[in-house]
Structure formats: structure tokens, C-alpha cells
PDB file of N, CA and C in Angstrom:
ATOM      1  N   MET A   1       0.818  -1.196   0.031  1.00  0.00           N
ATOM      2  CA  MET A   1       0.011   0.009  -0.027  1.00  0.00           C
ATOM      3  C   MET A   1       0.864   1.216  -0.009  1.00  0.00           C
ATOM      4  N   ALA A   2       1.953   1.175   0.739  1.00  0.00           N
ATOM      5  CA  ALA A   2       2.849   2.313   0.826  1.00  0.00           C
ATOM      6  C   ALA A   2       3.458   2.640  -0.596  1.00  0.00           C
ATOM      7  N   MET A   3       3.907   1.504  -1.249  1.00  0.00           N
ATOM      8  CA  MET A   3       4.401   1.761  -2.588  1.00  0.00           C
ATOM      9  C   MET A   3       3.470   2.308  -3.570  1.00  0.00           C
ATOM     10  N   VAL A   4       2.170   1.993  -3.450  1.00  0.00           N
ATOM     11  CA  VAL A   4       1.237   2.519  -4.325  1.00  0.00           C
ATOM     12  C   VAL A   4       1.096   4.035  -4.039  1.00  0.00           C
ATOM     13  N   LEU A   5       0.992   4.396  -2.832  1.00  0.00           N
ATOM     14  CA  LEU A   5       0.883   5.798  -2.530  1.00  0.00           C
ATOM     15  C   LEU A   5       2.052   6.588  -2.964  1.00  0.00           C
ATOM     16  N   ILE A   6       3.227   6.026  -2.746  1.00  0.00           N
ATOM     17  CA  ILE A   6       4.474   6.742  -3.171  1.00  0.00           C
ATOM     18  C   ILE A   6       4.480   6.961  -4.762  1.00  0.00           C
ATOM     19  N   THR A   7       4.089   5.850  -5.500  1.00  0.00           N
ATOM     20  CA  THR A   7       4.086   5.816  -6.906  1.00  0.00           C
ATOM     21  C   THR A   7       3.069   6.944  -7.331  1.00  0.00           C
ATOM     22  N   ILE A   8       1.851   6.992  -6.756  1.00  0.00           N
ATOM     23  CA  ILE A   8       0.861   7.930  -7.168  1.00  0.00           C
ATOM     24  C   ILE A   8       1.403   9.362  -6.877  1.00  0.00           C
ATOM     25  N   ALA A   9       1.957   9.568  -5.798  1.00  0.00           N
ATOM     26  CA  ALA A   9       2.609  10.933  -5.434  1.00  0.00           C
ATOM     27  C   ALA A   9       3.645  11.346  -6.543  1.00  0.00           C
ATOM     28  N   LEU A  10       4.558  10.496  -6.856  1.00  0.00           N
ATOM     29  CA  LEU A  10       5.542  10.719  -7.848  1.00  0.00           C
ATOM     30  C   LEU A  10       5.011  10.967  -9.216  1.00  0.00           C
ATOM     31  N   LEU A  11       3.997  10.139  -9.637  1.00  0.00           N
ATOM     32  CA  LEU A  11       3.414  10.380 -10.927  1.00  0.00           C
ATOM     33  C   LEU A  11       2.558  11.583 -11.090  1.00  0.00           C
ATOM     34  N   LEU A  12       1.902  11.972  -9.967  1.00  0.00           N
ATOM     35  CA  LEU A  12       1.112  13.221 -10.005  1.00  0.00           C
ATOM     36  C   LEU A  12       2.102  14.524 -10.104  1.00  0.00           C
ATOM     37  N   THR A  13       3.139  14.369  -9.312  1.00  0.00           N
ATOM     38  CA  THR A  13       4.208  15.477  -9.463  1.00  0.00           C
ATOM     39  C   THR A  13       4.792  15.572 -10.744  1.00  0.00           C
ATOM     40  N   ALA A  14       5.110  14.504 -11.361  1.00  0.00           N
ATOM     41  CA  ALA A  14       5.659  14.536 -12.725  1.00  0.00           C
ATOM     42  C   ALA A  14       4.723  15.100 -13.727  1.00  0.00           C
ATOM     43  N   LEU A  15       3.422  14.648 -13.615  1.00  0.00           N
ATOM     44  CA  LEU A  15       2.398  15.162 -14.563  1.00  0.00           C
ATOM     45  C   LEU A  15       2.179  16.621 -14.334  1.00  0.00           C
ATOM     46  N   ALA A  16       2.297  17.092 -13.085  1.00  0.00           N
ATOM     47  CA  ALA A  16       2.037  18.531 -12.918  1.00  0.00           C
ATOM     48  C   ALA A  16       3.243  19.314 -13.513  1.00  0.00           C
ATOM     49  N   TYR A  17       4.416  18.873 -13.452  1.00  0.00           N
ATOM     50  CA  TYR A  17       5.535  19.609 -14.085  1.00  0.00           C
ATOM     51  C   TYR A  17       5.528  19.340 -15.642  1.00  0.00           C
ATOM     52  N   ALA A  18       4.808  18.320 -16.052  1.00  0.00           N
ATOM     53  CA  ALA A  18       4.785  18.162 -17.568  1.00  0.00           C
ATOM     54  C   ALA A  18       3.792  19.139 -18.225  1.00  0.00           C
ATOM     55  N   SER A  19       2.888  19.623 -17.509  1.00  0.00           N
ATOM     56  CA  SER A  19       1.930  20.552 -18.019  1.00  0.00           C
ATOM     57  C   SER A  19       2.258  22.060 -17.601  1.00  0.00           C
ATOM     58  N   PRO A  20       3.088  22.667 -18.424  1.00  0.00           N
ATOM     59  CA  PRO A  20       3.558  23.971 -17.945  1.00  0.00           C
ATOM     60  C   PRO A  20       2.357  24.968 -17.994  1.00  0.00           C
ATOM     61  N   PRO A  21       2.449  25.917 -17.004  1.00  0.00           N
ATOM     62  CA  PRO A  21       1.484  27.037 -17.110  1.00  0.00           C
ATOM     63  C   PRO A  21       1.658  27.911 -18.301  1.00  0.00           C
ATOM     64  N   ASP A  22       0.605  28.747 -18.440  1.00  0.00           N
ATOM     65  CA  ASP A  22       0.645  29.736 -19.606  1.00  0.00           C
ATOM     66  C   ASP A  22       1.809  30.685 -19.383  1.00  0.00           C
ATOM     67  N   PRO A  23       2.543  31.030 -20.395  1.00  0.00           N
ATOM     68  CA  PRO A  23       3.487  32.095 -20.292  1.00  0.00           C
ATOM     69  C   PRO A  23       2.875  33.428 -19.996  1.00  0.00           C
ATOM     70  N   THR A  24       2.909  33.860 -18.820  1.00  0.00           N
ATOM     71  CA  THR A  24       2.231  35.165 -18.434  1.00  0.00           C
ATOM     72  C   THR A  24       2.983  36.430 -18.973  1.00  0.00           C
ATOM     73  N   TRP A  25       4.207  36.231 -19.413  1.00  0.00           N
ATOM     74  CA  TRP A  25       4.976  37.409 -19.874  1.00  0.00           C
ATOM     75  C   TRP A  25       4.492  37.865 -21.164  1.00  0.00           C
ATOM     76  N   VAL A  26       3.729  36.976 -21.935  1.00  0.00           N
ATOM     77  CA  VAL A  26       3.163  37.318 -23.290  1.00  0.00           C
ATOM     78  C   VAL A  26       1.781  37.640 -22.993  1.00  0.00           C
ATOM     79  N   GLY A  27       1.422  38.875 -23.049  1.00  0.00           N
ATOM     80  CA  GLY A  27       0.024  39.433 -22.795  1.00  0.00           C
ATOM     81  C   GLY A  27      -0.858  39.348 -23.974  1.00  0.00           C
ATOM     82  N   GLY A  28      -2.224  39.179 -23.704  1.00  0.00           N
ATOM     83  CA  GLY A  28      -3.191  39.246 -24.755  1.00  0.00           C
ATOM     84  C   GLY A  28      -3.558  37.947 -25.421  1.00  0.00           C
ATOM     85  N   PHE A  29      -2.810  36.852 -25.353  1.00  0.00           N
ATOM     86  CA  PHE A  29      -3.019  35.775 -26.057  1.00  0.00           C
ATOM     87  C   PHE A  29      -3.724  34.670 -25.228  1.00  0.00           C
ATOM     88  N   TRP A  30      -3.188  34.427 -23.995  1.00  0.00           N
ATOM     89  CA  TRP A  30      -3.786  33.352 -23.076  1.00  0.00           C
ATOM     90  C   TRP A  30      -4.779  34.116 -22.169  1.00  0.00           C
ATOM     91  N   ASP A  31      -5.916  33.421 -22.056  1.00  0.00           N
ATOM     92  CA  ASP A  31      -7.001  33.924 -21.317  1.00  0.00           C
ATOM     93  C   ASP A  31      -6.964  33.501 -19.775  1.00  0.00           C
ATOM     94  N   ASP A  32      -6.084  32.779 -19.316  1.00  0.00           N
ATOM     95  CA  ASP A  32      -5.956  32.412 -17.943  1.00  0.00           C
ATOM     96  C   ASP A  32      -7.252  31.671 -17.410  1.00  0.00           C
ATOM     97  N   GLY A  33      -7.823  30.985 -18.365  1.00  0.00           N
ATOM     98  CA  GLY A  33      -9.015  30.249 -17.987  1.00  0.00           C
ATOM     99  C   GLY A  33      -8.961  28.784 -18.146  1.00  0.00           C
ATOM    100  N   ASP A  34      -7.802  28.207 -18.311  1.00  0.00           N
ATOM    101  CA  ASP A  34      -7.678  26.744 -18.497  1.00  0.00           C
ATOM    102  C   ASP A  34      -7.129  26.095 -17.287  1.00  0.00           C
ATOM    103  N   PHE A  35      -7.311  26.474 -16.087  1.00  0.00           N
ATOM    104  CA  PHE A  35      -6.998  25.867 -14.961  1.00  0.00           C
ATOM    105  C   PHE A  35      -5.528  25.551 -14.722  1.00  0.00           C
ATOM    106  N   ASP A  36      -4.679  26.480 -15.195  1.00  0.00           N
ATOM    107  CA  ASP A  36      -3.309  26.441 -14.938  1.00  0.00           C
ATOM    108  C   ASP A  36      -2.860  26.645 -13.501  1.00  0.00           C
ATOM    109  N   ASP A  37      -3.773  27.405 -12.829  1.00  0.00           N
ATOM    110  CA  ASP A  37      -3.487  27.859 -11.477  1.00  0.00           C
ATOM    111  C   ASP A  37      -3.341  26.536 -10.637  1.00  0.00           C
ATOM    112  N   VAL A  38      -4.054  25.548 -10.970  1.00  0.00           N
ATOM    113  CA  VAL A  38      -3.941  24.291 -10.134  1.00  0.00           C
ATOM    114  C   VAL A  38      -2.571  23.659 -10.337  1.00  0.00           C
ATOM    115  N   VAL A  39      -1.989  23.784 -11.475  1.00  0.00           N
ATOM    116  CA  VAL A  39      -0.660  23.232 -11.782  1.00  0.00           C
ATOM    117  C   VAL A  39       0.348  24.019 -10.929  1.00  0.00           C
ATOM    118  N   ILE A  40       0.203  25.344 -10.886  1.00  0.00           N
ATOM    119  CA  ILE A  40       1.058  26.183 -10.224  1.00  0.00           C
ATOM    120  C   ILE A  40       0.935  25.874  -8.560  1.00  0.00           C
ATOM    121  N   VAL A  41      -0.205  25.647  -8.109  1.00  0.00           N
ATOM    122  CA  VAL A  41      -0.497  25.327  -6.755  1.00  0.00           C
ATOM    123  C   VAL A  41       0.166  24.012  -6.447  1.00  0.00           C
ATOM    124  N   VAL A  42       0.022  23.021  -7.210  1.00  0.00           N
ATOM    125  CA  VAL A  42       0.573  21.705  -6.943  1.00  0.00           C
ATOM    126  C   VAL A  42       2.061  21.626  -6.937  1.00  0.00           C
ATOM    127  N   THR A  43       2.711  22.350  -7.822  1.00  0.00           N
ATOM    128  CA  THR A  43       4.112  22.368  -7.943  1.00  0.00           C
ATOM    129  C   THR A  43       4.799  23.230  -6.987  1.00  0.00           C
ATOM    130  N   SER A  44       4.066  24.138  -6.363  1.00  0.00           N
ATOM    131  CA  SER A  44       4.633  25.071  -5.345  1.00  0.00           C
ATOM    132  C   SER A  44       4.336  24.661  -3.798  1.00  0.00           C
ATOM    133  N   VAL A  45       3.616  23.648  -3.637  1.00  0.00           N
ATOM    134  CA  VAL A  45       3.214  23.121  -2.341  1.00  0.00           C
ATOM    135  C   VAL A  45       4.434  22.464  -1.627  1.00  0.00           C
ATOM    136  N   LEU A  46       4.629  22.791  -0.372  1.00  0.00           N
ATOM    137  CA  LEU A  46       5.720  22.161   0.402  1.00  0.00           C
ATOM    138  C   LEU A  46       5.121  20.803   0.952  1.00  0.00           C
ATOM    139  N   ALA A  47       5.918  19.793   0.997  1.00  0.00           N
ATOM    140  CA  ALA A  47       5.462  18.551   1.540  1.00  0.00           C
ATOM    141  C   ALA A  47       5.709  18.502   3.067  1.00  0.00           C
ATOM    142  N   ILE A  48       6.636  19.222   3.496  1.00  0.00           N
ATOM    143  CA  ILE A  48       6.868  19.310   4.915  1.00  0.00           C
ATOM    144  C   ILE A  48       6.377  20.664   5.550  1.00  0.00           C
ATOM    145  N   PRO A  49       5.433  20.580   6.489  1.00  0.00           N
ATOM    146  CA  PRO A  49       4.853  21.962   6.975  1.00  0.00           C
ATOM    147  C   PRO A  49       5.949  22.528   7.893  1.00  0.00           C
ATOM    148  N   THR A  50       5.836  23.936   8.010  1.00  0.00           N
ATOM    149  CA  THR A  50       6.798  24.570   8.831  1.00  0.00           C
ATOM    150  C   THR A  50       6.173  24.565  10.284  1.00  0.00           C
ATOM    151  N   LEU A  51       6.995  24.408  11.288  1.00  0.00           N
ATOM    152  CA  LEU A  51       6.581  24.486  12.610  1.00  0.00           C
ATOM    153  C   LEU A  51       6.660  25.840  13.186  1.00  0.00           C
ATOM    154  N   HIS A  52       5.533  26.299  13.821  1.00  0.00           N
ATOM    155  CA  HIS A  52       5.606  27.676  14.457  1.00  0.00           C
ATOM    156  C   HIS A  52       5.637  27.417  15.865  1.00  0.00           C
ATOM    157  N   ARG A  53       6.572  28.039  16.547  1.00  0.00           N
ATOM    158  CA  ARG A  53       6.647  27.929  17.919  1.00  0.00           C
ATOM    159  C   ARG A  53       5.684  28.935  18.635  1.00  0.00           C
ATOM    160  N   ILE A  54       5.053  28.500  19.609  1.00  0.00           N
ATOM    161  CA  ILE A  54       4.091  29.353  20.321  1.00  0.00           C
ATOM    162  C   ILE A  54       4.808  29.734  21.756  1.00  0.00           C
ATOM    163  N   ASP A  55       4.667  30.937  22.038  1.00  0.00           N
ATOM    164  CA  ASP A  55       5.250  31.439  23.256  1.00  0.00           C
ATOM    165  C   ASP A  55       4.292  30.997  24.349  1.00  0.00           C
ATOM    166  N   ALA A  56       4.582  29.861  24.917  1.00  0.00           N
ATOM    167  CA  ALA A  56       3.754  29.395  25.987  1.00  0.00           C
ATOM    168  C   ALA A  56       4.658  28.957  27.276  1.00  0.00           C
ATOM    169  N   PRO A  57       4.084  28.947  28.413  1.00  0.00           N
ATOM    170  CA  PRO A  57       4.875  28.653  29.526  1.00  0.00           C
ATOM    171  C   PRO A  57       5.249  27.126  29.493  1.00  0.00           C
ATOM    172  N   PRO A  58       6.286  26.724  30.118  1.00  0.00           N
ATOM    173  CA  PRO A  58       6.717  25.377  30.105  1.00  0.00           C
ATOM    174  C   PRO A  58       5.638  24.555  30.809  1.00  0.00           C
ATOM    175  N   THR A  59       5.567  23.290  30.256  1.00  0.00           N
ATOM    176  CA  THR A  59       4.629  22.439  30.952  1.00  0.00           C
ATOM    177  C   THR A  59       5.062  21.898  32.258  1.00  0.00           C
ATOM    178  N   ARG A  60       4.236  21.880  33.273  1.00  0.00           N
ATOM    179  CA  ARG A  60       4.593  21.493  34.528  1.00  0.00           C
ATOM    180  C   ARG A  60       4.315  20.048  34.704  1.00  0.00           C
ATOM    181  N   ILE A  61       5.396  19.360  35.145  1.00  0.00           N
ATOM    182  CA  ILE A  61       5.260  17.855  35.343  1.00  0.00           C
ATOM    183  C   ILE A  61       5.185  17.612  36.877  1.00  0.00           C
ATOM    184  N   VAL A  62       4.059  17.109  37.237  1.00  0.00           N
ATOM    185  CA  VAL A  62       3.816  16.724  38.624  1.00  0.00           C
ATOM    186  C   VAL A  62       4.145  15.315  38.930  1.00  0.00           C
ATOM    187  N   LEU A  63       5.089  15.062  39.766  1.00  0.00           N
ATOM    188  CA  LEU A  63       5.449  13.788  40.187  1.00  0.00           C
ATOM    189  C   LEU A  63       5.103  13.615  41.742  1.00  0.00           C
ATOM    190  N   GLY A  64       4.524  12.470  42.036  1.00  0.00           N
ATOM    191  CA  GLY A  64       4.181  12.238  43.347  1.00  0.00           C
ATOM    192  C   GLY A  64       4.440  10.810  43.779  1.00  0.00           C
ATOM    193  N   LEU A  65       4.406  10.557  44.983  1.00  0.00           N
ATOM    194  CA  LEU A  65       4.678   9.201  45.438  1.00  0.00           C
ATOM    195  C   LEU A  65       3.407   8.654  46.113  1.00  0.00           C
ATOM    196  N   LEU A  66       2.901   7.667  45.627  1.00  0.00           N
ATOM    197  CA  LEU A  66       1.750   6.951  46.190  1.00  0.00           C
ATOM    198  C   LEU A  66       2.165   5.870  47.196  1.00  0.00           C
ATOM    199  N   LEU A  67       1.720   6.102  48.368  1.00  0.00           N
ATOM    200  CA  LEU A  67       2.061   5.091  49.476  1.00  0.00           C
ATOM    201  C   LEU A  67       0.887   4.178  49.722  1.00  0.00           C
ATOM    202  N   GLU A  68       1.026   3.013  49.773  1.00  0.00           N
ATOM    203  CA  GLU A  68      -0.040   2.153  50.041  1.00  0.00           C
ATOM    204  C   GLU A  68      -0.245   1.998  51.551  1.00  0.00           C
ATOM    205  N   ALA A  69      -1.527   2.123  51.918  1.00  0.00           N
ATOM    206  CA  ALA A  69      -1.870   2.156  53.278  1.00  0.00           C
ATOM    207  C   ALA A  69      -1.863   0.790  53.736  1.00  0.00           C
ATOM    208  N   PRO A  70      -1.310   0.512  54.883  1.00  0.00           N
ATOM    209  CA  PRO A  70      -1.251  -0.791  55.457  1.00  0.00           C
ATOM    210  C   PRO A  70      -2.676  -1.310  55.742  1.00  0.00           C
ATOM    211  N   THR A  71      -3.018  -2.542  55.299  1.00  0.00           N
ATOM    212  CA  THR A  71      -4.339  -3.134  55.531  1.00  0.00           C
ATOM    213  C   THR A  71      -4.194  -4.146  56.697  1.00  0.00           C
ATOM    214  N   PRO A  72      -5.250  -4.225  57.534  1.00  0.00           N
ATOM    215  CA  PRO A  72      -5.056  -4.986  58.691  1.00  0.00           C
ATOM    216  C   PRO A  72      -5.278  -6.469  58.182  1.00  0.00           C
ATOM    217  N   THR A  73      -4.400  -7.263  58.809  1.00  0.00           N
ATOM    218  CA  THR A  73      -4.523  -8.716  58.510  1.00  0.00           C
ATOM    219  C   THR A  73      -5.157  -9.472  59.586  1.00  0.00           C
ATOM    220  N   ILE A  74      -5.934 -10.379  59.248  1.00  0.00           N
ATOM    221  CA  ILE A  74      -6.622 -11.292  60.168  1.00  0.00           C
ATOM    222  C   ILE A  74      -5.991 -12.635  60.128  1.00  0.00           C
ATOM    223  N   ALA A  75      -5.610 -13.210  61.214  1.00  0.00           N
ATOM    224  CA  ALA A  75      -4.958 -14.476  61.277  1.00  0.00           C
ATOM    225  C   ALA A  75      -6.048 -15.543  60.949  1.00  0.00           C
ATOM    226  N   TYR A  76      -5.681 -16.484  60.185  1.00  0.00           N
ATOM    227  CA  TYR A  76      -6.622 -17.652  59.796  1.00  0.00           C
ATOM    228  C   TYR A  76      -6.918 -18.549  60.927  1.00  0.00           C
ATOM    229  N   ASP A  77      -8.132 -18.770  61.270  1.00  0.00           N
ATOM    230  CA  ASP A  77      -8.464 -19.737  62.290  1.00  0.00           C
ATOM    231  C   ASP A  77      -9.031 -20.942  61.686  1.00  0.00           C
ATOM    232  N   GLY A  78      -8.348 -22.054  61.733  1.00  0.00           N
ATOM    233  CA  GLY A  78      -8.823 -23.345  61.115  1.00  0.00           C
ATOM    234  C   GLY A  78     -10.023 -23.917  61.793  1.00  0.00           C
ATOM    235  N   SER A  79     -10.180 -23.561  63.064  1.00  0.00           N
ATOM    236  CA  SER A  79     -11.454 -24.093  63.770  1.00  0.00           C
ATOM    237  C   SER A  79     -12.766 -23.616  63.223  1.00  0.00           C
ATOM    238  N   VAL A  80     -12.774 -22.573  62.543  1.00  0.00           N
ATOM    239  CA  VAL A  80     -13.943 -21.895  62.049  1.00  0.00           C
ATOM    240  C   VAL A  80     -14.515 -22.824  60.846  1.00  0.00           C
ATOM    241  N   HIS A  81     -13.586 -23.385  60.045  1.00  0.00           N
ATOM    242  CA  HIS A  81     -13.979 -24.295  58.939  1.00  0.00           C
ATOM    243  C   HIS A  81     -14.263 -25.678  59.395  1.00  0.00           C
ATOM    244  N   HIS A  82     -15.544 -25.933  59.592  1.00  0.00           N
ATOM    245  CA  HIS A  82     -15.943 -27.253  60.195  1.00  0.00           C
ATOM    246  C   HIS A  82     -15.869 -28.416  59.266  1.00  0.00           C
ATOM    247  N   ALA A  83     -16.421 -28.220  58.118  1.00  0.00           N
ATOM    248  CA  ALA A  83     -16.581 -29.448  57.104  1.00  0.00           C
ATOM    249  C   ALA A  83     -15.533 -29.263  56.057  1.00  0.00           C
ATOM    250  N   PRO A  84     -15.061 -30.488  55.652  1.00  0.00           N
ATOM    251  CA  PRO A  84     -14.179 -30.412  54.539  1.00  0.00           C
ATOM    252  C   PRO A  84     -14.976 -30.276  53.259  1.00  0.00           C
ATOM    253  N   ARG A  85     -14.342 -30.060  52.141  1.00  0.00           N
ATOM    254  CA  ARG A  85     -15.018 -29.820  50.896  1.00  0.00           C
ATOM    255  C   ARG A  85     -15.786 -31.039  50.507  1.00  0.00           C
ATOM    256  N   SER A  86     -16.977 -30.869  49.988  1.00  0.00           N
ATOM    257  CA  SER A  86     -17.814 -31.935  49.489  1.00  0.00           C
ATOM    258  C   SER A  86     -17.242 -32.614  48.281  1.00  0.00           C
ATOM    259  N   PRO A  87     -17.537 -33.966  48.115  1.00  0.00           N
ATOM    260  CA  PRO A  87     -17.035 -34.554  46.979  1.00  0.00           C
ATOM    261  C   PRO A  87     -17.655 -34.126  45.717  1.00  0.00           C
ATOM    262  N   PRO A  88     -17.079 -34.403  44.510  1.00  0.00           N
ATOM    263  CA  PRO A  88     -17.692 -33.950  43.235  1.00  0.00           C
ATOM    264  C   PRO A  88     -19.048 -34.749  42.978  1.00  0.00           C
ATOM    265  N   ALA A  89     -19.897 -34.081  42.268  1.00  0.00           N
ATOM    266  CA  ALA A  89     -21.148 -34.677  42.056  1.00  0.00           C
ATOM    267  C   ALA A  89     -20.938 -35.749  41.009  1.00  0.00           C
ATOM    268  N   PRO A  90     -21.713 -36.817  41.164  1.00  0.00           N
ATOM    269  CA  PRO A  90     -21.578 -37.959  40.292  1.00  0.00           C
ATOM    270  C   PRO A  90     -21.961 -37.628  38.883  1.00  0.00           C
ATOM    271  N   ALA A  91     -21.217 -38.251  37.860  1.00  0.00           N
ATOM    272  CA  ALA A  91     -21.522 -37.967  36.494  1.00  0.00           C
ATOM    273  C   ALA A  91     -22.834 -38.716  36.083  1.00  0.00           C
ATOM    274  N   ARG A  92     -23.481 -38.091  35.242  1.00  0.00           N
ATOM    275  CA  ARG A  92     -24.694 -38.785  34.786  1.00  0.00           C
ATOM    276  C   ARG A  92     -24.666 -39.406  33.440  1.00  0.00           C
TER     277      ARG A  92
END
């Protein structure tokens, strides 16, 4: 898919340069109505946008330490558990 997109971009750029705009230095013959402006726009567009810096204050990074609260532990009392586990149910 990437190769297809790269090929299309290269072919469209080559086609845009292959169709030269009207010579504007010769007045009176070309009517400027055959959509040459599109060719000029395509051939003069930058592929990499310029980055504009914004005067903004630095971003504050807040770091904190989360402490785990101790949980009370209850000792296991085996005498509370009276019966052992029941046997598995018979297969039908």
C-alpha cells in the first residue's frame, strides 16, 4: 500500500511539471481560464509543513509518590472451617 501511495505521489508530481502553465509574460493571447493555477499550486506546495513555535509557559510535570496504606491482616483460624469440601457430583 505504501508503494502505491508513493508511486501515485511521484506520478502526479511528474504530470504537474509536464503541463507547464501559460507564459504570463506574453500578454493578450492566453485567457488564464484553462485551470493552470492548479498546476502552479501543486508544484509550489511544500510537503513538510513549517513548525511555528508558540510562546507558552513550560509544561509543569507533577510527580508524586503513592504510598499504600497498610491493611489490617486477620489470622486464619482453622477451627471456624468445620466441614471439608464436599465430593464432586456424580457424572450422569
